[in-house]
């Protein structure tokens, strides 16, 4: 698991191991505004051979969501 601040948000990449031994992306994003915390979880269909690889791609996925580069998905 990796957790880091980015452009006013907090991204947490916490991959999940699948039954076949591969890893999938599981990302949480939080925003903190005016004493209110908003959060959302996101998943992607991509799979990776290692936990580390999935963690790194999850952090990148979170940054892409924050920048509005994932169609149909917006940050909290």
Protein backbone atom coordinates (compact mmCIF):
# COMPACT_ATOMS: atom_id res chain seq x y z
CA UNK A 1 0.00 0.00 0.00
CA UNK A 2 1.14 3.52 -0.78
CA UNK A 3 -0.45 6.78 0.35
CA UNK A 4 0.57 10.24 -0.85
CA UNK A 5 -0.73 13.77 -1.18
CA UNK A 6 -1.20 15.10 -4.69
CA UNK A 7 -2.65 18.46 -5.85
CA UNK A 8 -4.83 18.86 -2.74
CA UNK A 9 -5.97 15.22 -2.69
CA UNK A 10 -4.71 12.10 -0.95
CA UNK A 11 -4.26 9.02 -3.14
CA UNK A 12 -4.08 5.57 -1.57
CA UNK A 13 -3.14 2.64 -3.78
CA UNK A 14 -4.00 -0.66 -2.11
CA UNK A 15 -3.93 -3.44 -4.74
CA UNK A 16 -5.86 -6.68 -4.33
CA UNK A 17 -4.53 -10.11 -5.16
CA UNK A 18 -6.81 -12.12 -7.40
CA UNK A 19 -7.43 -15.89 -7.27
CA UNK A 20 -5.01 -16.48 -10.17
CA UNK A 21 -2.17 -14.77 -8.25
CA UNK A 22 -2.15 -11.54 -10.25
CA UNK A 23 -2.83 -8.12 -8.72
CA UNK A 24 -5.53 -5.59 -9.59
CA UNK A 25 -5.70 -1.84 -9.07
CA UNK A 26 -7.68 -0.57 -6.08
CA UNK A 27 -7.36 3.19 -5.44
CA UNK A 28 -8.93 5.51 -2.91
CA UNK A 29 -8.91 9.28 -3.36
CA UNK A 30 -9.78 11.78 -0.63
CA UNK A 31 -10.37 15.52 -0.82
CA UNK A 32 -10.34 17.75 2.24
CA UNK A 33 -12.30 20.98 1.82
CA UNK A 34 -13.81 23.26 4.44
CA UNK A 35 -13.54 20.66 7.20
CA UNK A 36 -15.31 18.08 5.03
CA UNK A 37 -13.64 14.90 3.81
CA UNK A 38 -14.91 13.32 0.60
CA UNK A 39 -13.63 10.00 -0.59
CA UNK A 40 -14.19 7.54 -3.39
CA UNK A 41 -12.75 4.18 -4.40
CA UNK A 42 -11.81 3.22 -7.94
CA UNK A 43 -10.90 -0.05 -9.61
CA UNK A 44 -9.43 -0.92 -12.98
CA UNK A 45 -9.57 -4.12 -15.00
CA UNK A 46 -5.80 -4.15 -15.58
CA UNK A 47 -3.85 -6.89 -13.81
CA UNK A 48 -0.18 -7.01 -12.87
CA UNK A 49 2.31 -9.71 -11.90
CA UNK A 50 3.39 -8.08 -8.62
CA UNK A 51 1.97 -6.06 -5.76
CA UNK A 52 4.59 -3.34 -6.36
CA UNK A 53 3.71 -3.01 -10.05
CA UNK A 54 0.00 -2.73 -9.24
CA UNK A 55 0.72 -0.17 -6.51
CA UNK A 56 2.71 2.04 -8.89
CA UNK A 57 0.07 1.83 -11.62
CA UNK A 58 -2.63 2.54 -9.03
CA UNK A 59 -0.91 5.77 -7.97
CA UNK A 60 -0.65 6.80 -11.63
CA UNK A 61 -4.34 5.92 -12.15
CA UNK A 62 -5.23 8.15 -9.19
CA UNK A 63 -3.25 11.06 -10.65
CA UNK A 64 -4.99 10.58 -14.01
CA UNK A 65 -8.39 10.70 -12.27
CA UNK A 66 -7.45 13.94 -10.49
CA UNK A 67 -6.39 15.50 -13.80
CA UNK A 68 -9.69 14.46 -15.44
CA UNK A 69 -8.01 12.11 -17.90
CA UNK A 70 -10.18 9.04 -17.20
CA UNK A 71 -13.44 9.28 -19.18
CA UNK A 72 -16.56 8.99 -17.05
CA UNK A 73 -14.67 9.24 -13.74
CA UNK A 74 -14.10 12.34 -11.64
CA UNK A 75 -12.39 12.82 -8.29
CA UNK A 76 -14.43 13.22 -5.11
